[in-house]
């Protein structure tokens, strides 16, 4: 899907979410530097469009927190994790499945720094 975005030069938030998801996968594979580059590119585009209050931006924040964790930047990882969860809570509420899932997926970032 991300190749379609690139080939068609699509400037759409779904393409940016795909890029953020790819960044999270890259981070999980241990390449935090490449993941940071990927997710920050997606975040800049989302911000440029004025869509930093959308769920796709929350997903990008979550991916960035994982990448920061992989790089050993624990304080930054936790701060970014908290931003992601706060945005999910603002968008959906504390008990919404999207928020609960995000919190569960990011719990490891916080636990490793306690």
Protein backbone atom coordinates (compact mmCIF):
# COMPACT_ATOMS: atom_id res chain seq x y z
CA UNK A 1 0.00 0.00 0.00
CA UNK A 2 2.84 2.37 0.81
CA UNK A 3 4.27 1.75 -2.66
CA UNK A 4 0.97 2.89 -4.17
CA UNK A 5 1.22 6.10 -2.16
CA UNK A 6 4.73 6.67 -3.45
CA UNK A 7 4.01 5.75 -7.07
CA UNK A 8 0.92 7.92 -7.27
CA UNK A 9 2.54 10.67 -5.18
CA UNK A 10 -0.48 10.63 -2.92
CA UNK A 11 -0.56 13.29 -0.23
CA UNK A 12 -3.07 11.66 2.07
CA UNK A 13 -3.11 11.09 5.81
CA UNK A 14 -3.63 7.34 5.29
CA UNK A 15 -0.29 7.20 3.50
CA UNK A 16 1.31 8.93 6.48
CA UNK A 17 -0.27 6.43 8.86
CA UNK A 18 1.16 3.61 6.76
CA UNK A 19 4.56 5.26 7.02
CA UNK A 20 4.20 5.54 10.81
CA UNK A 21 3.19 1.88 11.03
CA UNK A 22 6.22 0.93 8.96
CA UNK A 23 8.38 2.98 11.35
CA UNK A 24 6.98 1.05 14.32
CA UNK A 25 7.79 -2.23 12.58
CA UNK A 26 11.32 -1.05 11.80
CA UNK A 27 11.76 -0.04 15.45
CA UNK A 28 10.51 -3.44 16.66
CA UNK A 29 13.17 -4.99 14.43
CA UNK A 30 15.79 -2.95 16.29
CA UNK A 31 16.62 -0.15 13.83
CA UNK A 32 15.64 2.85 15.93
CA UNK A 33 17.57 5.37 13.83
CA UNK A 34 15.81 4.43 10.60
CA UNK A 35 12.47 4.27 12.41
CA UNK A 36 12.92 7.80 13.78
CA UNK A 37 13.70 9.13 10.31
CA UNK A 38 10.63 7.41 8.87
CA UNK A 39 8.18 8.51 11.56
CA UNK A 40 9.45 12.07 11.76
CA UNK A 41 8.92 12.41 8.01
CA UNK A 42 5.33 11.26 8.42
CA UNK A 43 4.80 13.58 11.39
CA UNK A 44 6.10 16.62 9.50
CA UNK A 45 3.68 15.99 6.65
CA UNK A 46 0.75 15.48 9.02
CA UNK A 47 1.67 18.68 10.89
CA UNK A 48 2.03 20.61 7.62
CA UNK A 49 -1.54 19.64 6.74
CA UNK A 50 -2.77 20.80 10.15
CA UNK A 51 -3.85 17.28 11.10
CA UNK A 52 -1.79 16.84 14.28
CA UNK A 53 -4.97 16.29 16.27
CA UNK A 54 -5.98 13.19 14.27
CA UNK A 55 -5.64 9.53 15.25
CA UNK A 56 -3.00 9.03 12.57
CA UNK A 57 -0.79 11.51 14.40
CA UNK A 58 -1.36 9.61 17.64
CA UNK A 59 -0.20 6.46 15.82
CA UNK A 60 2.90 8.33 14.66
CA UNK A 61 3.64 9.45 18.22
CA UNK A 62 3.30 5.85 19.37
CA UNK A 63 5.73 4.69 16.68
CA UNK A 64 8.16 7.42 17.64
CA UNK A 65 8.05 6.39 21.30
CA UNK A 66 8.99 2.83 20.35
CA UNK A 67 11.85 4.07 18.17
CA UNK A 68 13.14 6.32 20.95
CA UNK A 69 13.00 3.39 23.35
CA UNK A 70 15.04 1.25 20.94
CA UNK A 71 17.61 4.06 20.74
CA UNK A 72 17.88 4.07 24.55
CA UNK A 73 16.34 7.52 24.90
CA UNK A 74 14.02 6.42 27.68
CA UNK A 75 12.90 9.81 29.01
CA UNK A 76 11.99 10.96 25.51
CA UNK A 77 10.29 7.62 24.80
CA UNK A 78 8.07 7.89 27.88
CA UNK A 79 7.21 11.55 27.20
CA UNK A 80 6.25 10.72 23.60
CA UNK A 81 4.31 7.64 24.77
CA UNK A 82 2.34 9.85 27.14
CA UNK A 83 1.61 12.34 24.34
CA UNK A 84 0.29 9.51 22.16
CA UNK A 85 -1.96 8.14 24.90
CA UNK A 86 -3.20 11.63 25.81
CA UNK A 87 -4.16 12.26 22.18
CA UNK A 88 -5.97 8.92 21.96
CA UNK A 89 -7.84 9.80 25.18
CA UNK A 90 -8.78 13.22 23.79
CA UNK A 91 -10.00 11.72 20.54
CA UNK A 92 -11.82 8.67 21.87
CA UNK A 93 -12.03 8.77 25.68
CA UNK A 94 -10.15 6.69 28.25
CA UNK A 95 -12.22 3.53 27.86
CA UNK A 96 -12.50 3.39 24.07
CA UNK A 97 -10.94 0.29 22.44
CA UNK A 98 -8.54 2.47 20.38
CA UNK A 99 -7.21 4.08 23.57
CA UNK A 100 -7.02 0.80 25.49
CA UNK A 101 -5.19 -0.87 22.61
CA UNK A 102 -2.70 2.00 22.33
CA UNK A 103 -2.08 1.94 26.07
CA UNK A 104 -1.53 -1.83 25.98
CA UNK A 105 0.80 -1.60 22.97
CA UNK A 106 2.87 1.12 24.62
CA UNK A 107 2.97 -0.28 28.16
CA UNK A 108 6.40 -1.79 27.55
CA UNK A 109 7.91 1.61 26.89
CA UNK A 110 6.84 2.88 30.31
CA UNK A 111 7.56 -0.32 32.22
CA UNK A 112 11.18 -0.48 31.14
CA UNK A 113 11.90 2.98 32.51
CA UNK A 114 10.37 2.63 35.95
